[in-house]
Amino acid sequence: MRLAVLADVHANLPALEAVLRDVDSLSPAGLWVAGDLVGYNPWPNEVLQILRDRHAKAIRGNHDRGVLGDDPFRFNELAAAALRWTRIQLTPGSVGYLKDLEDRTRTTMPEGVVAMYHGSPRDDDEYVFPYTADDSLVRKAGAPFVILGHTHLPMARAFRSGLLVNPGSVGQPRDGDPRAAWGLLDLSTRTFGLRRVSYDIDAVATAIRRTGLPTELADRLYAGV
């Protein structure tokens, strides 16, 4: 069984649409999204509607909790400005969708348990970087397949206890590659393939500036930082 794994979409509609075209070309069995569906970019309602329509197995990240006003996470100035803007834009249906999501989830598959967290099994806001990941996280999750988000950095680490992966970010990559990132998790072969997809960054940057979001959010998309 293969699962499409996304994270950190951050309300970037053109990036999400490009990624989903790539996803559809491979026909995975499910669509999993490891949090931060909104924030930074100007299409929160449209992104949430697509994920809802596709019955994505999604969880909340710190930005999703932040727009609901129930996250103690300390946001930097750019993130906080985007959250304030997003709160004003969200429809009642979008708010309800975010409220109904879990902060972490796990499902038993024929190949084993798949557990998904935005931060880590230890802390929903922990940043697990590729160079800090170890098998204690997999053992803490108690699952042979562990999906993380939050860092916007792709990662696939195989340990004796299981596979730890992060697909990187759909909506705001930070690994120096501006293309949208997602991953294909193959439960049968216990492998994770990273995918990169080009999208219209100019359209996103123009929309960011037009809607009054901080212009720095537009500029960083071109560099993938």
N, C-alpha and C. Protein backbone atom coordinates (compact mmCIF):
# COMPACT_ATOMS: atom_id res chain seq x y z
N MET A 1 0.84 -1.20 0.00
CA MET A 1 0.00 0.00 0.00
C MET A 1 0.88 1.25 0.00
N ARG A 2 0.48 2.23 -0.81
CA ARG A 2 1.23 3.48 -0.89
C ARG A 2 0.36 4.65 -0.42
N LEU A 3 0.97 5.55 0.35
CA LEU A 3 0.28 6.73 0.86
C LEU A 3 0.98 7.99 0.36
N ALA A 4 0.19 8.96 -0.10
CA ALA A 4 0.72 10.28 -0.40
C ALA A 4 0.82 11.05 0.91
N VAL A 5 2.01 11.58 1.20
CA VAL A 5 2.24 12.27 2.46
C VAL A 5 2.61 13.72 2.18
N LEU A 6 1.81 14.64 2.71
CA LEU A 6 2.02 16.07 2.56
C LEU A 6 2.18 16.70 3.93
N ALA A 7 2.75 17.90 3.98
CA ALA A 7 2.83 18.67 5.22
C ALA A 7 3.01 20.14 4.89
N ASP A 8 2.65 20.97 5.83
CA ASP A 8 2.93 22.41 5.75
C ASP A 8 2.49 23.00 4.41
N VAL A 9 1.21 22.82 4.12
CA VAL A 9 0.62 23.38 2.90
C VAL A 9 0.55 24.90 2.98
N HIS A 10 0.24 25.41 4.14
CA HIS A 10 0.25 26.84 4.44
C HIS A 10 -0.52 27.68 3.42
N ALA A 11 -1.73 27.21 3.10
CA ALA A 11 -2.67 28.01 2.31
C ALA A 11 -2.12 28.41 0.94
N ASN A 12 -1.21 27.61 0.40
CA ASN A 12 -0.64 27.88 -0.92
C ASN A 12 -1.40 27.05 -1.95
N LEU A 13 -2.43 27.63 -2.51
CA LEU A 13 -3.32 26.89 -3.42
C LEU A 13 -2.62 26.43 -4.70
N PRO A 14 -1.90 27.29 -5.42
CA PRO A 14 -1.22 26.80 -6.63
C PRO A 14 -0.25 25.65 -6.36
N ALA A 15 0.46 25.72 -5.25
CA ALA A 15 1.39 24.64 -4.90
C ALA A 15 0.62 23.36 -4.61
N LEU A 16 -0.46 23.46 -3.85
CA LEU A 16 -1.25 22.27 -3.52
C LEU A 16 -1.84 21.65 -4.78
N GLU A 17 -2.37 22.47 -5.67
CA GLU A 17 -2.97 21.93 -6.89
C GLU A 17 -1.92 21.22 -7.74
N ALA A 18 -0.72 21.78 -7.81
CA ALA A 18 0.35 21.13 -8.58
C ALA A 18 0.75 19.80 -7.95
N VAL A 19 0.85 19.79 -6.64
CA VAL A 19 1.20 18.55 -5.93
C VAL A 19 0.13 17.50 -6.14
N LEU A 20 -1.12 17.88 -6.04
CA LEU A 20 -2.19 16.90 -6.18
C LEU A 20 -2.28 16.33 -7.59
N ARG A 21 -1.90 17.11 -8.59
CA ARG A 21 -1.83 16.54 -9.95
C ARG A 21 -0.77 15.45 -10.00
N ASP A 22 0.35 15.69 -9.33
CA ASP A 22 1.40 14.68 -9.28
C ASP A 22 0.94 13.47 -8.46
N VAL A 23 0.28 13.73 -7.36
CA VAL A 23 -0.27 12.64 -6.54
C VAL A 23 -1.21 11.77 -7.36
N ASP A 24 -2.12 12.41 -8.07
CA ASP A 24 -3.12 11.66 -8.84
C ASP A 24 -2.49 10.80 -9.92
N SER A 25 -1.34 11.22 -10.43
CA SER A 25 -0.69 10.45 -11.48
C SER A 25 -0.14 9.12 -10.96
N LEU A 26 0.00 9.01 -9.63
CA LEU A 26 0.54 7.79 -9.03
C LEU A 26 -0.51 6.95 -8.32
N SER A 27 -1.71 7.49 -8.16
CA SER A 27 -2.86 6.77 -7.59
C SER A 27 -2.55 6.08 -6.26
N PRO A 28 -2.11 6.82 -5.25
CA PRO A 28 -1.88 6.20 -3.95
C PRO A 28 -3.20 5.83 -3.28
N ALA A 29 -3.11 5.01 -2.24
CA ALA A 29 -4.31 4.53 -1.56
C ALA A 29 -4.89 5.56 -0.60
N GLY A 30 -4.10 6.55 -0.19
CA GLY A 30 -4.59 7.54 0.76
C GLY A 30 -3.78 8.80 0.70
N LEU A 31 -4.36 9.87 1.26
CA LEU A 31 -3.72 11.19 1.31
C LEU A 31 -3.63 11.62 2.77
N TRP A 32 -2.40 11.73 3.29
CA TRP A 32 -2.14 12.12 4.67
C TRP A 32 -1.46 13.48 4.69
N VAL A 33 -1.89 14.34 5.61
CA VAL A 33 -1.34 15.70 5.68
C VAL A 33 -0.95 16.01 7.13
N ALA A 34 0.35 16.26 7.34
CA ALA A 34 0.88 16.38 8.70
C ALA A 34 0.86 17.79 9.27
N GLY A 35 -0.24 18.50 9.04
CA GLY A 35 -0.45 19.75 9.75
C GLY A 35 0.05 21.00 9.06
N ASP A 36 -0.33 22.15 9.66
CA ASP A 36 -0.09 23.48 9.11
C ASP A 36 -0.70 23.61 7.72
N LEU A 37 -2.00 23.51 7.71
CA LEU A 37 -2.77 23.64 6.48
C LEU A 37 -2.90 25.11 6.08
N VAL A 38 -2.88 26.00 7.06
CA VAL A 38 -3.06 27.43 6.80
C VAL A 38 -1.85 28.21 7.31
N GLY A 39 -1.90 29.53 7.08
CA GLY A 39 -0.81 30.42 7.48
C GLY A 39 0.08 30.77 6.30
N TYR A 40 0.64 31.97 6.33
CA TYR A 40 1.63 32.47 5.37
C TYR A 40 1.08 32.86 4.00
N ASN A 41 0.20 32.07 3.41
CA ASN A 41 -0.27 32.31 2.04
C ASN A 41 -1.77 32.61 2.00
N PRO A 42 -2.27 33.14 0.87
CA PRO A 42 -3.59 33.79 0.88
C PRO A 42 -4.82 32.97 0.49
N TRP A 43 -4.73 31.62 0.55
CA TRP A 43 -5.91 30.84 0.16
C TRP A 43 -6.30 29.83 1.25
N PRO A 44 -6.52 30.24 2.47
CA PRO A 44 -6.83 29.27 3.52
C PRO A 44 -8.14 28.51 3.27
N ASN A 45 -9.17 29.21 2.89
CA ASN A 45 -10.46 28.54 2.70
C ASN A 45 -10.45 27.57 1.53
N GLU A 46 -9.81 27.97 0.44
CA GLU A 46 -9.75 27.12 -0.74
C GLU A 46 -8.96 25.84 -0.47
N VAL A 47 -7.83 25.98 0.24
CA VAL A 47 -7.01 24.82 0.57
C VAL A 47 -7.77 23.86 1.48
N LEU A 48 -8.42 24.40 2.49
CA LEU A 48 -9.16 23.54 3.42
C LEU A 48 -10.31 22.84 2.71
N GLN A 49 -10.95 23.52 1.77
CA GLN A 49 -12.06 22.90 1.04
C GLN A 49 -11.57 21.73 0.20
N ILE A 50 -10.43 21.90 -0.45
CA ILE A 50 -9.89 20.81 -1.27
C ILE A 50 -9.56 19.61 -0.40
N LEU A 51 -8.90 19.84 0.72
CA LEU A 51 -8.52 18.73 1.60
C LEU A 51 -9.76 18.05 2.17
N ARG A 52 -10.76 18.83 2.48
CA ARG A 52 -12.01 18.26 2.98
C ARG A 52 -12.70 17.43 1.90
N ASP A 53 -12.76 17.97 0.68
CA ASP A 53 -13.41 17.26 -0.42
C ASP A 53 -12.70 15.95 -0.75
N ARG A 54 -11.38 15.94 -0.56
CA ARG A 54 -10.60 14.74 -0.88
C ARG A 54 -10.54 13.76 0.30
N HIS A 55 -11.20 14.10 1.38
CA HIS A 55 -11.20 13.25 2.56
C HIS A 55 -9.78 12.93 3.03
N ALA A 56 -8.93 13.97 2.99
CA ALA A 56 -7.55 13.80 3.43
C ALA A 56 -7.52 13.47 4.91
N LYS A 57 -6.61 12.60 5.30
CA LYS A 57 -6.38 12.32 6.71
C LYS A 57 -5.40 13.37 7.20
N ALA A 58 -5.92 14.45 7.74
CA ALA A 58 -5.10 15.60 8.12
C ALA A 58 -5.15 15.82 9.63
N ILE A 59 -4.07 16.40 10.14
CA ILE A 59 -4.02 16.82 11.53
C ILE A 59 -3.72 18.32 11.58
N ARG A 60 -3.86 18.88 12.76
CA ARG A 60 -3.55 20.31 12.93
C ARG A 60 -2.08 20.49 13.27
N GLY A 61 -1.51 21.60 12.78
CA GLY A 61 -0.20 22.04 13.19
C GLY A 61 -0.32 23.27 14.06
N ASN A 62 0.81 23.85 14.43
CA ASN A 62 0.77 25.01 15.31
C ASN A 62 0.09 26.21 14.67
N HIS A 63 0.21 26.38 13.35
CA HIS A 63 -0.48 27.49 12.69
C HIS A 63 -1.99 27.27 12.67
N ASP A 64 -2.40 26.03 12.49
CA ASP A 64 -3.83 25.73 12.51
C ASP A 64 -4.42 25.98 13.90
N ARG A 65 -3.69 25.57 14.93
CA ARG A 65 -4.14 25.86 16.29
C ARG A 65 -4.08 27.35 16.57
N GLY A 66 -3.07 28.00 16.00
CA GLY A 66 -2.90 29.43 16.24
C GLY A 66 -4.05 30.26 15.72
N VAL A 67 -4.58 29.93 14.54
CA VAL A 67 -5.70 30.71 14.01
C VAL A 67 -6.97 30.48 14.81
N LEU A 68 -7.01 29.37 15.54
CA LEU A 68 -8.16 29.10 16.41
C LEU A 68 -7.98 29.76 17.77
N GLY A 69 -6.80 30.30 18.01
CA GLY A 69 -6.54 31.02 19.26
C GLY A 69 -6.25 30.14 20.45
N ASP A 70 -5.87 28.87 20.20
CA ASP A 70 -5.66 27.98 21.35
C ASP A 70 -4.28 27.32 21.30
N ASP A 71 -3.27 28.08 20.83
CA ASP A 71 -1.92 27.53 20.75
C ASP A 71 -0.94 28.46 21.45
N PRO A 72 -0.20 27.98 22.47
CA PRO A 72 0.77 28.82 23.16
C PRO A 72 2.08 28.98 22.41
N PHE A 73 2.21 28.34 21.23
CA PHE A 73 3.43 28.43 20.45
C PHE A 73 3.77 29.90 20.19
N ARG A 74 5.06 30.24 20.31
CA ARG A 74 5.49 31.62 20.11
C ARG A 74 5.86 31.83 18.64
N PHE A 75 5.04 32.61 17.95
CA PHE A 75 5.24 32.84 16.52
C PHE A 75 6.11 34.07 16.29
N ASN A 76 6.93 34.01 15.24
CA ASN A 76 7.71 35.20 14.89
C ASN A 76 6.80 36.24 14.25
N GLU A 77 7.36 37.40 13.96
CA GLU A 77 6.54 38.53 13.50
C GLU A 77 5.81 38.23 12.19
N LEU A 78 6.51 37.60 11.24
CA LEU A 78 5.88 37.28 9.97
C LEU A 78 4.74 36.28 10.13
N ALA A 79 5.01 35.23 10.89
CA ALA A 79 3.98 34.21 11.11
C ALA A 79 2.78 34.79 11.84
N ALA A 80 3.04 35.63 12.84
CA ALA A 80 1.94 36.23 13.61
C ALA A 80 1.08 37.14 12.74
N ALA A 81 1.72 37.92 11.86
CA ALA A 81 0.96 38.79 10.96
C ALA A 81 0.08 37.96 10.03
N ALA A 82 0.63 36.86 9.52
CA ALA A 82 -0.16 35.99 8.63
C ALA A 82 -1.32 35.34 9.38
N LEU A 83 -1.09 34.97 10.64
CA LEU A 83 -2.17 34.38 11.43
C LEU A 83 -3.30 35.37 11.66
N ARG A 84 -2.93 36.61 11.97
CA ARG A 84 -3.97 37.63 12.18
C ARG A 84 -4.79 37.82 10.91
N TRP A 85 -4.12 37.86 9.77
CA TRP A 85 -4.81 38.02 8.49
C TRP A 85 -5.72 36.81 8.23
N THR A 86 -5.21 35.62 8.50
CA THR A 86 -5.96 34.40 8.23
C THR A 86 -7.21 34.30 9.09
N ARG A 87 -7.10 34.70 10.35
CA ARG A 87 -8.28 34.65 11.24
C ARG A 87 -9.44 35.44 10.66
N ILE A 88 -9.15 36.56 10.05
CA ILE A 88 -10.20 37.41 9.48
C ILE A 88 -10.82 36.76 8.26
N GLN A 89 -10.01 36.00 7.51
CA GLN A 89 -10.48 35.44 6.25
C GLN A 89 -11.27 34.14 6.40
N LEU A 90 -11.02 33.38 7.45
CA LEU A 90 -11.62 32.06 7.56
C LEU A 90 -13.14 32.10 7.64
N THR A 91 -13.79 31.25 6.86
CA THR A 91 -15.25 31.12 6.92
C THR A 91 -15.62 30.25 8.13
N PRO A 92 -16.87 30.31 8.58
CA PRO A 92 -17.29 29.42 9.66
C PRO A 92 -17.05 27.95 9.35
N GLY A 93 -17.24 27.56 8.09
CA GLY A 93 -17.00 26.17 7.72
C GLY A 93 -15.55 25.78 7.87
N SER A 94 -14.64 26.70 7.52
CA SER A 94 -13.21 26.43 7.66
C SER A 94 -12.82 26.32 9.13
N VAL A 95 -13.36 27.19 9.94
CA VAL A 95 -13.08 27.14 11.37
C VAL A 95 -13.56 25.81 11.95
N GLY A 96 -14.76 25.41 11.55
CA GLY A 96 -15.29 24.14 12.04
C GLY A 96 -14.45 22.95 11.62
N TYR A 97 -13.96 22.99 10.39
CA TYR A 97 -13.10 21.91 9.90
C TYR A 97 -11.83 21.80 10.72
N LEU A 98 -11.18 22.94 10.97
CA LEU A 98 -9.95 22.93 11.76
C LEU A 98 -10.21 22.46 13.19
N LYS A 99 -11.31 22.89 13.76
CA LYS A 99 -11.63 22.48 15.14
C LYS A 99 -11.86 20.98 15.24
N ASP A 100 -12.38 20.38 14.18
CA ASP A 100 -12.68 18.95 14.22
C ASP A 100 -11.45 18.07 14.00
N LEU A 101 -10.34 18.65 13.54
CA LEU A 101 -9.15 17.85 13.30
C LEU A 101 -8.46 17.49 14.61
N GLU A 102 -7.75 16.37 14.60
CA GLU A 102 -6.92 15.97 15.73
C GLU A 102 -5.54 16.61 15.61
N ASP A 103 -4.81 16.66 16.72
CA ASP A 103 -3.45 17.18 16.71
C ASP A 103 -2.42 16.11 16.36
N ARG A 104 -2.82 14.86 16.44
CA ARG A 104 -1.97 13.71 16.07
C ARG A 104 -2.89 12.54 15.78
N THR A 105 -2.41 11.58 15.03
CA THR A 105 -3.28 10.46 14.68
C THR A 105 -2.46 9.21 14.41
N ARG A 106 -3.10 8.07 14.48
CA ARG A 106 -2.46 6.79 14.16
C ARG A 106 -3.53 5.85 13.63
N THR A 107 -3.12 5.03 12.67
CA THR A 107 -4.03 4.08 12.04
C THR A 107 -3.29 2.77 11.84
N THR A 108 -3.97 1.68 12.14
CA THR A 108 -3.40 0.36 11.92
C THR A 108 -3.67 -0.10 10.50
N MET A 109 -2.59 -0.30 9.76
CA MET A 109 -2.66 -0.81 8.39
C MET A 109 -2.22 -2.28 8.39
N PRO A 110 -2.48 -3.01 7.30
CA PRO A 110 -2.01 -4.40 7.24
C PRO A 110 -0.50 -4.52 7.44
N GLU A 111 0.25 -3.49 7.01
CA GLU A 111 1.71 -3.53 7.11
C GLU A 111 2.22 -3.03 8.46
N GLY A 112 1.33 -2.48 9.29
CA GLY A 112 1.73 -1.96 10.59
C GLY A 112 1.08 -0.61 10.87
N VAL A 113 1.33 -0.09 12.05
CA VAL A 113 0.73 1.18 12.47
C VAL A 113 1.45 2.35 11.80
N VAL A 114 0.66 3.30 11.27
CA VAL A 114 1.20 4.55 10.76
C VAL A 114 0.78 5.65 11.74
N ALA A 115 1.76 6.35 12.31
CA ALA A 115 1.50 7.42 13.27
C ALA A 115 1.95 8.75 12.67
N MET A 116 1.16 9.79 12.85
CA MET A 116 1.48 11.09 12.26
C MET A 116 1.38 12.19 13.30
N TYR A 117 2.41 13.04 13.32
CA TYR A 117 2.52 14.16 14.25
C TYR A 117 2.99 15.38 13.47
N HIS A 118 2.59 16.56 13.92
CA HIS A 118 3.15 17.75 13.28
C HIS A 118 4.58 17.98 13.77
N GLY A 119 4.78 17.92 15.07
CA GLY A 119 6.10 18.08 15.64
C GLY A 119 6.78 16.75 15.87
N SER A 120 6.44 16.10 16.98
CA SER A 120 7.02 14.79 17.27
C SER A 120 6.13 14.05 18.25
N PRO A 121 6.40 12.76 18.48
CA PRO A 121 5.64 12.02 19.49
C PRO A 121 5.84 12.57 20.90
N ARG A 122 6.94 13.30 21.09
CA ARG A 122 7.23 13.86 22.42
C ARG A 122 6.51 15.17 22.66
N ASP A 123 6.37 15.97 21.60
CA ASP A 123 5.83 17.32 21.74
C ASP A 123 5.32 17.76 20.37
N ASP A 124 4.06 18.21 20.32
CA ASP A 124 3.47 18.60 19.04
C ASP A 124 4.18 19.78 18.40
N ASP A 125 4.96 20.54 19.18
CA ASP A 125 5.66 21.70 18.64
C ASP A 125 7.17 21.49 18.52
N GLU A 126 7.65 20.28 18.75
CA GLU A 126 9.09 20.02 18.64
C GLU A 126 9.54 20.00 17.19
N TYR A 127 10.66 20.66 16.92
CA TYR A 127 11.26 20.60 15.59
C TYR A 127 12.23 19.42 15.54
N VAL A 128 11.93 18.45 14.70
CA VAL A 128 12.82 17.30 14.51
C VAL A 128 13.52 17.46 13.16
N PHE A 129 14.77 17.88 13.20
CA PHE A 129 15.53 18.10 11.98
C PHE A 129 16.19 16.80 11.53
N PRO A 130 16.55 16.71 10.26
CA PRO A 130 17.21 15.49 9.79
C PRO A 130 18.44 15.11 10.59
N TYR A 131 19.15 16.10 11.09
CA TYR A 131 20.37 15.82 11.85
C TYR A 131 20.13 15.58 13.33
N THR A 132 18.89 15.74 13.80
CA THR A 132 18.59 15.46 15.21
C THR A 132 17.72 14.22 15.38
N ALA A 133 17.23 13.66 14.27
CA ALA A 133 16.32 12.52 14.35
C ALA A 133 17.06 11.26 14.80
N ASP A 134 16.43 10.49 15.67
CA ASP A 134 16.99 9.19 16.06
C ASP A 134 15.84 8.22 16.33
N ASP A 135 16.20 6.97 16.57
CA ASP A 135 15.13 5.98 16.67
C ASP A 135 14.36 6.04 17.97
N SER A 136 14.77 6.90 18.91
CA SER A 136 13.96 7.08 20.12
C SER A 136 12.59 7.65 19.77
N LEU A 137 12.51 8.43 18.70
CA LEU A 137 11.23 8.99 18.27
C LEU A 137 10.31 7.90 17.74
N VAL A 138 10.87 6.96 17.00
CA VAL A 138 10.06 5.86 16.48
C VAL A 138 9.59 4.97 17.62
N ARG A 139 10.49 4.72 18.57
CA ARG A 139 10.12 3.89 19.71
C ARG A 139 9.06 4.59 20.57
N LYS A 140 9.18 5.91 20.71
CA LYS A 140 8.19 6.68 21.47
C LYS A 140 6.82 6.60 20.80
N ALA A 141 6.81 6.64 19.47
CA ALA A 141 5.54 6.56 18.73
C ALA A 141 4.93 5.17 18.81
N GLY A 142 5.77 4.16 18.97
CA GLY A 142 5.28 2.79 19.01
C GLY A 142 4.67 2.36 17.69
N ALA A 143 5.30 2.81 16.59
CA ALA A 143 4.78 2.50 15.26
C ALA A 143 5.95 2.33 14.30
N PRO A 144 5.85 1.41 13.36
CA PRO A 144 6.93 1.22 12.40
C PRO A 144 7.00 2.28 11.31
N PHE A 145 5.93 3.09 11.20
CA PHE A 145 5.91 4.18 10.22
C PHE A 145 5.51 5.47 10.94
N VAL A 146 6.41 6.44 10.96
CA VAL A 146 6.16 7.69 11.69
C VAL A 146 6.34 8.87 10.73
N ILE A 147 5.29 9.68 10.63
CA ILE A 147 5.28 10.84 9.75
C ILE A 147 5.34 12.11 10.60
N LEU A 148 6.24 13.02 10.23
CA LEU A 148 6.38 14.31 10.91
C LEU A 148 6.26 15.45 9.90
N GLY A 149 6.03 16.65 10.40
CA GLY A 149 6.05 17.87 9.58
C GLY A 149 6.85 18.94 10.30
N HIS A 150 6.39 20.20 10.21
CA HIS A 150 6.84 21.32 11.04
C HIS A 150 8.15 21.98 10.61
N THR A 151 9.15 21.21 10.20
CA THR A 151 10.45 21.81 9.88
C THR A 151 10.52 22.34 8.45
N HIS A 152 9.64 21.89 7.57
CA HIS A 152 9.68 22.23 6.14
C HIS A 152 10.91 21.63 5.46
N LEU A 153 11.53 20.65 6.08
CA LEU A 153 12.72 20.00 5.53
C LEU A 153 12.44 18.53 5.28
N PRO A 154 12.63 18.05 4.04
CA PRO A 154 12.39 16.63 3.76
C PRO A 154 13.36 15.74 4.53
N MET A 155 12.87 14.55 4.89
CA MET A 155 13.70 13.62 5.65
C MET A 155 13.15 12.21 5.49
N ALA A 156 14.04 11.25 5.40
CA ALA A 156 13.66 9.83 5.46
C ALA A 156 14.79 9.11 6.18
N ARG A 157 14.49 8.62 7.39
CA ARG A 157 15.49 7.93 8.19
C ARG A 157 14.96 6.55 8.55
N ALA A 158 15.71 5.53 8.18
CA ALA A 158 15.33 4.16 8.49
C ALA A 158 16.11 3.68 9.70
N PHE A 159 15.39 3.24 10.73
CA PHE A 159 16.00 2.71 11.94
C PHE A 159 15.54 1.27 12.14
N ARG A 160 16.16 0.59 13.05
CA ARG A 160 15.76 -0.79 13.33
C ARG A 160 14.31 -0.85 13.79
N SER A 161 13.88 0.20 14.51
CA SER A 161 12.52 0.22 15.05
C SER A 161 11.47 0.70 14.06
N GLY A 162 11.90 1.30 12.95
CA GLY A 162 10.92 1.76 11.98
C GLY A 162 11.43 2.89 11.10
N LEU A 163 10.53 3.42 10.29
CA LEU A 163 10.84 4.46 9.31
C LEU A 163 10.29 5.80 9.77
N LEU A 164 11.15 6.82 9.81
CA LEU A 164 10.78 8.17 10.24
C LEU A 164 10.90 9.10 9.04
N VAL A 165 9.79 9.76 8.66
CA VAL A 165 9.81 10.56 7.44
C VAL A 165 9.19 11.94 7.67
N ASN A 166 9.63 12.87 6.83
CA ASN A 166 9.04 14.20 6.75
C ASN A 166 9.03 14.55 5.26
N PRO A 167 7.86 14.89 4.70
CA PRO A 167 7.80 15.17 3.26
C PRO A 167 8.29 16.55 2.87
N GLY A 168 8.70 17.38 3.85
CA GLY A 168 9.00 18.76 3.53
C GLY A 168 7.72 19.56 3.41
N SER A 169 7.78 20.70 2.76
CA SER A 169 6.63 21.60 2.71
C SER A 169 6.06 21.75 1.31
N VAL A 170 4.75 21.68 1.22
CA VAL A 170 4.06 21.99 -0.03
C VAL A 170 4.12 23.50 -0.28
N GLY A 171 3.79 24.28 0.74
CA GLY A 171 3.53 25.70 0.52
C GLY A 171 4.65 26.66 0.82
N GLN A 172 5.70 26.22 1.54
CA GLN A 172 6.81 27.13 1.83
C GLN A 172 8.08 26.32 2.11
N PRO A 173 8.68 25.72 1.08
CA PRO A 173 9.89 24.93 1.28
C PRO A 173 11.02 25.76 1.89
N ARG A 174 11.84 25.08 2.70
CA ARG A 174 12.95 25.77 3.37
C ARG A 174 14.28 25.03 3.22
N ASP A 175 14.37 24.21 2.19
CA ASP A 175 15.61 23.45 2.00
C ASP A 175 16.41 23.95 0.81
N GLY A 176 16.11 25.17 0.36
CA GLY A 176 16.83 25.76 -0.76
C GLY A 176 16.28 25.40 -2.12
N ASP A 177 15.25 24.58 -2.17
CA ASP A 177 14.59 24.20 -3.42
C ASP A 177 13.18 24.79 -3.38
N PRO A 178 12.87 25.75 -4.25
CA PRO A 178 11.56 26.41 -4.17
C PRO A 178 10.39 25.58 -4.65
N ARG A 179 10.65 24.42 -5.25
CA ARG A 179 9.55 23.59 -5.71
C ARG A 179 8.79 22.98 -4.53
N ALA A 180 7.51 22.78 -4.72
CA ALA A 180 6.68 22.15 -3.69
C ALA A 180 7.15 20.73 -3.45
N ALA A 181 7.10 20.29 -2.20
CA ALA A 181 7.59 18.96 -1.83
C ALA A 181 6.46 18.09 -1.28
N TRP A 182 6.54 16.81 -1.58
CA TRP A 182 5.67 15.82 -0.95
C TRP A 182 6.37 14.47 -1.05
N GLY A 183 5.81 13.46 -0.38
CA GLY A 183 6.47 12.17 -0.38
C GLY A 183 5.50 11.02 -0.58
N LEU A 184 6.02 9.93 -1.14
CA LEU A 184 5.22 8.73 -1.37
C LEU A 184 5.76 7.64 -0.44
N LEU A 185 4.93 7.28 0.54
CA LEU A 185 5.30 6.27 1.52
C LEU A 185 4.76 4.92 1.09
N ASP A 186 5.69 3.98 0.84
CA ASP A 186 5.31 2.63 0.44
C ASP A 186 5.42 1.73 1.66
N LEU A 187 4.27 1.33 2.18
CA LEU A 187 4.26 0.53 3.40
C LEU A 187 4.76 -0.89 3.14
N SER A 188 4.56 -1.39 1.96
CA SER A 188 4.97 -2.77 1.65
C SER A 188 6.48 -2.90 1.58
N THR A 189 7.14 -1.93 0.95
CA THR A 189 8.59 -1.99 0.81
C THR A 189 9.31 -1.19 1.89
N ARG A 190 8.53 -0.50 2.73
CA ARG A 190 9.09 0.34 3.80
C ARG A 190 10.09 1.35 3.25
N THR A 191 9.65 2.04 2.20
CA THR A 191 10.47 3.07 1.57
C THR A 191 9.68 4.37 1.45
N PHE A 192 10.42 5.47 1.28
CA PHE A 192 9.80 6.79 1.17
C PHE A 192 10.49 7.54 0.05
N GLY A 193 9.71 7.91 -0.96
CA GLY A 193 10.26 8.63 -2.10
C GLY A 193 9.84 10.08 -2.08
N LEU A 194 10.82 10.99 -2.06
CA LEU A 194 10.53 12.42 -2.08
C LEU A 194 10.22 12.87 -3.49
N ARG A 195 9.20 13.69 -3.64
CA ARG A 195 8.80 14.23 -4.93
C ARG A 195 8.88 15.76 -4.87
N ARG A 196 9.31 16.39 -5.98
CA ARG A 196 9.33 17.85 -6.08
C ARG A 196 8.52 18.26 -7.31
N VAL A 197 7.74 19.33 -7.14
CA VAL A 197 6.83 19.76 -8.19
C VAL A 197 6.94 21.28 -8.37
N SER A 198 7.15 21.73 -9.59
CA SER A 198 7.17 23.17 -9.87
C SER A 198 5.75 23.72 -9.88
N TYR A 199 5.62 24.98 -9.49
CA TYR A 199 4.31 25.64 -9.55
C TYR A 199 4.54 27.13 -9.82
N ASP A 200 3.46 27.87 -10.01
CA ASP A 200 3.56 29.28 -10.40
C ASP A 200 3.83 30.16 -9.17
N ILE A 201 5.09 30.32 -8.83
CA ILE A 201 5.46 31.13 -7.67
C ILE A 201 5.09 32.59 -7.90
N ASP A 202 5.22 33.07 -9.14
CA ASP A 202 4.87 34.47 -9.42
C ASP A 202 3.43 34.77 -9.04
N ALA A 203 2.53 33.84 -9.33
CA ALA A 203 1.12 34.05 -9.01
C ALA A 203 0.90 34.14 -7.51
N VAL A 204 1.61 33.32 -6.76
CA VAL A 204 1.49 33.35 -5.30
C VAL A 204 2.06 34.63 -4.75
N ALA A 205 3.24 35.02 -5.23
CA ALA A 205 3.88 36.24 -4.75
C ALA A 205 3.00 37.46 -5.03
N THR A 206 2.42 37.50 -6.21
CA THR A 206 1.53 38.62 -6.56
C THR A 206 0.33 38.67 -5.62
N ALA A 207 -0.26 37.51 -5.35
CA ALA A 207 -1.43 37.45 -4.47
C ALA A 207 -1.07 37.86 -3.05
N ILE A 208 0.10 37.45 -2.57
CA ILE A 208 0.54 37.83 -1.23
C ILE A 208 0.63 39.34 -1.11
N ARG A 209 1.27 39.98 -2.10
CA ARG A 209 1.43 41.44 -2.05
C ARG A 209 0.09 42.15 -2.20
N ARG A 210 -0.78 41.61 -3.04
CA ARG A 210 -2.08 42.25 -3.29
C ARG A 210 -2.99 42.19 -2.06
N THR A 211 -2.90 41.12 -1.30
CA THR A 211 -3.80 40.95 -0.16
C THR A 211 -3.30 41.64 1.10
N GLY A 212 -2.07 42.15 1.08
CA GLY A 212 -1.56 42.86 2.24
C GLY A 212 -0.79 42.01 3.22
N LEU A 213 -0.52 40.77 2.88
CA LEU A 213 0.36 39.95 3.71
C LEU A 213 1.78 40.49 3.60
N PRO A 214 2.66 40.22 4.55
CA PRO A 214 4.03 40.73 4.50
C PRO A 214 4.74 40.33 3.21
N THR A 215 5.39 41.29 2.56
CA THR A 215 6.05 41.01 1.28
C THR A 215 7.19 40.02 1.43
N GLU A 216 7.76 39.92 2.62
CA GLU A 216 8.84 38.94 2.86
C GLU A 216 8.37 37.52 2.60
N LEU A 217 7.07 37.28 2.82
CA LEU A 217 6.53 35.94 2.58
C LEU A 217 6.53 35.60 1.10
N ALA A 218 6.41 36.61 0.26
CA ALA A 218 6.49 36.40 -1.18
C ALA A 218 7.94 36.17 -1.60
N ASP A 219 8.84 36.98 -1.08
CA ASP A 219 10.24 36.92 -1.50
C ASP A 219 10.88 35.57 -1.16
N ARG A 220 10.54 35.01 -0.01
CA ARG A 220 11.21 33.78 0.43
C ARG A 220 10.82 32.58 -0.43
N LEU A 221 9.67 32.64 -1.08
CA LEU A 221 9.24 31.51 -1.91
C LEU A 221 10.20 31.25 -3.07
N TYR A 222 10.79 32.31 -3.59
CA TYR A 222 11.68 32.16 -4.74
C TYR A 222 12.98 31.45 -4.38
N ALA A 223 13.41 31.62 -3.13
CA ALA A 223 14.67 31.01 -2.69
C ALA A 223 14.47 29.69 -1.99
N GLY A 224 13.25 29.36 -1.63
CA GLY A 224 12.99 28.12 -0.90
C GLY A 224 13.62 28.12 0.47
N VAL A 225 13.43 29.24 1.19
CA VAL A 225 14.02 29.37 2.54
C VAL A 225 12.98 29.84 3.54
